[in-house]
Amino acid sequence: MNFKKTFIFTSLSIMTVAVVAATSIATTSCQNANANDTRSLPTPTKSAKMTLMESLQQRHSVRDFSDKAVSDADLSELLWAACGINRPDTKKITAPSAINAQDILVYVCTKDGAWLYVPDGNSLQKVSDKDLRSAVAGRQEAVAVAPVSLVLVSDRTKFGDRAKGADVMGAIDSGYVSQNICLACTALGLATVPRMTMDKETLAKELHLDENKTLLINHPVGYEK
């Protein structure tokens, strides 16, 4: 009997150590994956010198870009202006949103891959290692030269039981974010153009979008050639 009890105790001890070790390895792997896949952006200064009226006066669409890189500082300012959190106490954002659904997701596509902008924390979550700018450009291949392409997607699930109106509400909400991008680009000395043309099939696959996420507008962003 004592031998049996000792055997059972020893077996349970070995199993416990194995489980703890496996858990530790899994936790470390997750932490490393998150560290590798998350890209922190500089805190936006929100200090562009151009006034709102000046940016409205100077806003124009650009389709001929240089390949000059956009700095992380300017990218941070731009994404915050697009739909960043401007009221931290309530987690509300710079762009209006139907029933405060905050349904618009902004994906950032560069030569190094694609990221999802996370307003709460002002960071980027990597979703693909591929350069998807050509897919964003679609038939208008020239705009693929822009160093950054922003893709606006509406998440229909954010509307809950109002899903019947999700298509219209999502389209309107993407327009607000798009206008913010246009004006912020102007104020920051960047160039952009709002577009609907894109290879939706490829983007949906590579950005891992399900049937509840609708591709609406994209913005190549860079410097005018």
Protein backbone atom coordinates (compact mmCIF):
# COMPACT_ATOMS: atom_id res chain seq x y z
CA MET A 1 0.00 0.00 0.00
CA ASN A 2 2.78 2.41 0.93
CA PHE A 3 4.54 1.64 -2.36
CA LYS A 4 1.32 2.36 -4.23
CA LYS A 5 0.81 5.68 -2.44
CA THR A 6 4.44 6.63 -3.08
CA PHE A 7 4.07 5.76 -6.78
CA ILE A 8 0.89 7.82 -7.14
CA PHE A 9 2.43 10.80 -5.30
CA THR A 10 5.57 10.66 -7.41
CA SER A 11 3.56 10.44 -10.63
CA LEU A 12 1.40 13.42 -9.66
CA SER A 13 4.49 15.41 -8.75
CA ILE A 14 6.09 14.70 -12.13
CA MET A 15 2.85 15.68 -13.92
CA THR A 16 2.62 18.91 -11.92
CA VAL A 17 6.20 19.88 -12.78
CA ALA A 18 5.55 19.11 -16.45
CA VAL A 19 2.39 21.23 -16.50
CA VAL A 20 4.11 24.14 -14.77
CA ALA A 21 7.05 23.93 -17.18
CA ALA A 22 4.75 23.78 -20.21
CA THR A 23 2.72 26.72 -18.93
CA SER A 24 5.88 28.74 -18.36
CA ILE A 25 7.11 28.00 -21.88
CA ALA A 26 3.71 28.85 -23.41
CA THR A 27 3.49 32.10 -21.43
CA THR A 28 7.00 33.11 -22.48
CA SER A 29 6.20 32.29 -26.11
CA CYS A 30 3.02 34.40 -26.00
CA GLN A 31 4.88 37.29 -24.41
CA ASN A 32 7.59 37.11 -27.07
CA ALA A 33 4.99 36.88 -29.85
CA ASN A 34 3.16 39.93 -28.52
CA ALA A 35 6.40 41.84 -28.18
CA ASN A 36 7.35 41.02 -31.76
CA ASP A 37 3.90 41.69 -33.23
CA THR A 38 3.13 44.96 -31.46
CA ARG A 39 4.75 48.19 -32.57
CA SER A 40 4.47 51.17 -30.23
CA LEU A 41 4.12 54.59 -31.81
CA PRO A 42 5.47 57.87 -30.42
CA THR A 43 3.00 59.84 -28.34
CA PRO A 44 1.28 62.30 -30.71
CA THR A 45 2.16 65.92 -29.95
CA LYS A 46 -1.03 67.27 -31.61
CA SER A 47 0.90 70.45 -32.36
CA ALA A 48 0.57 70.97 -36.12
CA LYS A 49 0.89 74.69 -36.81
CA MET A 50 -1.58 74.83 -39.69
CA THR A 51 -5.06 75.99 -38.73
CA LEU A 52 -8.21 74.08 -39.63
CA MET A 53 -9.20 76.74 -42.15
CA GLU A 54 -5.74 76.66 -43.76
CA SER A 55 -5.88 72.87 -44.10
CA LEU A 56 -9.32 73.12 -45.70
CA GLN A 57 -7.99 75.76 -48.10
CA GLN A 58 -4.93 73.67 -49.04
CA ARG A 59 -6.43 70.17 -49.08
CA HIS A 60 -6.14 68.46 -52.46
CA SER A 61 -5.84 64.92 -53.78
CA VAL A 62 -2.44 63.59 -54.90
CA ARG A 63 -1.85 60.49 -57.01
CA ASP A 64 1.83 60.89 -57.84
CA PHE A 65 3.99 60.02 -54.82
CA SER A 66 7.70 59.87 -54.06
CA ASP A 67 9.04 56.89 -52.13
CA LYS A 68 10.30 59.07 -49.26
CA ALA A 69 9.49 57.36 -45.95
CA VAL A 70 6.89 58.70 -43.52
CA SER A 71 8.33 59.02 -40.01
CA ASP A 72 6.78 57.16 -37.08
CA ALA A 73 6.15 60.54 -35.46
CA ASP A 74 4.06 61.75 -38.41
CA LEU A 75 2.34 58.37 -38.72
CA SER A 76 1.37 58.57 -35.06
CA GLU A 77 -0.06 62.07 -35.50
CA LEU A 78 -1.98 60.95 -38.58
CA LEU A 79 -3.49 57.83 -37.03
CA TRP A 80 -4.48 59.70 -33.89
CA ALA A 81 -6.19 62.34 -36.04
CA ALA A 82 -7.94 59.60 -38.04
CA CYS A 83 -9.64 57.88 -35.11
CA GLY A 84 -7.45 58.13 -32.04
CA ILE A 85 -8.75 58.59 -28.53
CA ASN A 86 -9.25 62.27 -27.71
CA ARG A 87 -11.25 61.78 -24.49
CA PRO A 88 -9.39 59.17 -22.44
CA ASP A 89 -11.91 59.17 -19.60
CA THR A 90 -14.66 57.86 -21.91
CA LYS A 91 -12.47 56.22 -24.62
CA LYS A 92 -14.18 58.33 -27.29
CA ILE A 93 -12.39 59.17 -30.51
CA THR A 94 -11.65 62.05 -32.88
CA ALA A 95 -14.16 60.88 -35.52
CA PRO A 96 -17.96 60.84 -35.07
CA SER A 97 -19.45 57.36 -35.01
CA ALA A 98 -23.04 56.11 -35.29
CA ILE A 99 -24.26 55.06 -31.81
CA ASN A 100 -20.61 55.43 -30.75
CA ALA A 101 -19.96 52.05 -32.38
CA GLN A 102 -16.38 53.02 -33.30
CA ASP A 103 -16.67 50.47 -36.08
CA ILE A 104 -13.91 51.76 -38.34
CA LEU A 105 -10.67 49.78 -38.23
CA VAL A 106 -7.59 51.36 -39.80
CA TYR A 107 -4.98 49.04 -41.29
CA VAL A 108 -1.51 50.38 -42.08
CA CYS A 109 0.23 48.79 -45.07
CA THR A 110 3.95 49.35 -45.75
CA LYS A 111 6.78 47.50 -47.48
CA ASP A 112 7.45 45.71 -44.19
CA GLY A 113 3.95 44.33 -43.70
CA ALA A 114 0.50 45.31 -42.50
CA TRP A 115 -0.67 46.41 -39.07
CA LEU A 116 -3.97 47.18 -37.36
CA TYR A 117 -4.01 50.53 -35.56
CA VAL A 118 -5.00 50.17 -31.90
CA PRO A 119 -6.25 53.55 -30.63
CA ASP A 120 -6.21 52.49 -26.97
CA GLY A 121 -2.47 52.53 -26.48
CA ASN A 122 -1.61 54.21 -29.80
CA SER A 123 0.10 51.16 -31.21
CA LEU A 124 0.14 48.86 -34.24
CA GLN A 125 -0.68 45.15 -34.15
CA LYS A 126 0.93 43.21 -36.98
CA VAL A 127 -1.43 41.14 -39.13
CA SER A 128 0.76 40.31 -42.15
CA ASP A 129 4.41 40.21 -43.18
CA LYS A 130 3.50 40.92 -46.80
CA ASP A 131 3.75 44.21 -48.67
CA LEU A 132 0.08 44.75 -49.57
CA ARG A 133 0.40 48.20 -51.13
CA SER A 134 -0.10 46.82 -54.65
CA ALA A 135 -3.33 45.16 -53.51
CA VAL A 136 -4.44 48.49 -52.06
CA ALA A 137 -3.55 50.25 -55.31
CA GLY A 138 -5.55 47.78 -57.40
CA ARG A 139 -5.86 48.96 -61.00
CA GLN A 140 -4.18 52.29 -60.22
CA GLU A 141 -0.68 50.85 -59.80
CA ALA A 142 1.06 54.24 -59.58
CA VAL A 143 -0.18 54.90 -56.03
CA ALA A 144 1.56 51.74 -54.77
CA VAL A 145 4.74 53.85 -54.64
CA ALA A 146 3.38 55.70 -51.58
CA PRO A 147 5.29 54.43 -48.51
CA VAL A 148 2.10 54.00 -46.48
CA SER A 149 -1.39 52.90 -47.45
CA LEU A 150 -4.22 53.16 -44.94
CA VAL A 151 -7.20 50.84 -45.37
CA LEU A 152 -10.51 51.64 -43.68
CA VAL A 153 -12.71 48.70 -42.72
CA SER A 154 -16.10 48.73 -41.00
CA ASP A 155 -16.74 46.03 -38.40
CA ARG A 156 -20.47 45.32 -38.71
CA THR A 157 -20.61 43.49 -35.38
CA LYS A 158 -20.07 46.80 -33.58
CA PHE A 159 -23.63 47.82 -34.46
CA GLY A 160 -25.25 44.97 -32.53
CA ASP A 161 -28.99 44.72 -33.09
CA ARG A 162 -28.83 47.63 -35.54
CA ALA A 163 -27.03 45.44 -38.08
CA LYS A 164 -29.70 46.11 -40.74
CA GLY A 165 -28.36 49.64 -41.11
CA ALA A 166 -24.72 48.63 -40.79
CA ASP A 167 -23.83 49.20 -44.45
CA VAL A 168 -25.01 52.81 -44.43
CA MET A 169 -23.68 53.61 -40.95
CA GLY A 170 -20.31 52.05 -41.75
CA ALA A 171 -20.01 53.98 -45.01
CA ILE A 172 -20.82 57.26 -43.26
CA ASP A 173 -18.41 56.55 -40.41
CA SER A 174 -15.60 55.76 -42.85
CA GLY A 175 -16.23 59.14 -44.49
CA TYR A 176 -15.61 60.93 -41.19
CA VAL A 177 -12.33 59.09 -40.68
CA SER A 178 -11.33 59.67 -44.30
CA GLN A 179 -11.86 63.42 -43.97
CA ASN A 180 -9.80 63.46 -40.78
CA ILE A 181 -7.00 61.74 -42.70
CA CYS A 182 -7.21 64.25 -45.57
CA LEU A 183 -7.02 67.26 -43.28
CA ALA A 184 -4.33 65.80 -41.03
CA CYS A 185 -2.17 64.94 -44.04
CA THR A 186 -2.47 68.52 -45.27
CA ALA A 187 -1.54 69.92 -41.86
CA LEU A 188 1.45 67.57 -41.57
CA GLY A 189 2.76 68.31 -45.06
CA LEU A 190 1.83 64.84 -46.33
CA ALA A 191 -0.04 63.93 -49.49
CA THR A 192 -2.99 61.56 -49.88
CA VAL A 193 -6.08 60.71 -51.91
CA PRO A 194 -9.21 58.88 -50.71
CA ARG A 195 -9.97 55.90 -52.96
CA MET A 196 -12.39 53.00 -53.26
CA THR A 197 -10.43 51.05 -55.90
CA MET A 198 -8.52 48.11 -54.37
CA ASP A 199 -8.10 44.35 -54.66
CA LYS A 200 -10.67 43.49 -52.01
CA GLU A 201 -10.32 39.73 -52.36
CA THR A 202 -6.58 39.78 -51.67
CA LEU A 203 -6.86 42.31 -48.87
CA ALA A 204 -9.68 40.43 -47.14
CA LYS A 205 -7.56 37.28 -47.19
CA GLU A 206 -4.26 38.82 -46.12
CA LEU A 207 -5.76 41.08 -43.44
CA HIS A 208 -7.78 38.11 -42.11
CA LEU A 209 -11.13 39.87 -42.48
CA ASP A 210 -14.26 37.81 -41.89
CA GLU A 211 -17.66 38.34 -43.53
CA ASN A 212 -18.62 40.96 -40.93
CA LYS A 213 -15.78 43.29 -41.92
CA THR A 214 -16.31 45.50 -44.96
CA LEU A 215 -13.49 47.14 -46.96
CA LEU A 216 -14.59 50.71 -47.75
CA ILE A 217 -11.91 53.33 -48.41
CA ASN A 218 -8.13 53.47 -48.69
CA HIS A 219 -5.60 56.29 -48.49
CA PRO A 220 -2.11 56.11 -50.01
CA VAL A 221 0.00 58.44 -47.86
CA GLY A 222 3.41 59.96 -48.53
CA TYR A 223 4.98 62.99 -50.18
CA GLU A 224 3.99 64.52 -53.48
CA LYS A 225 6.48 63.79 -56.25
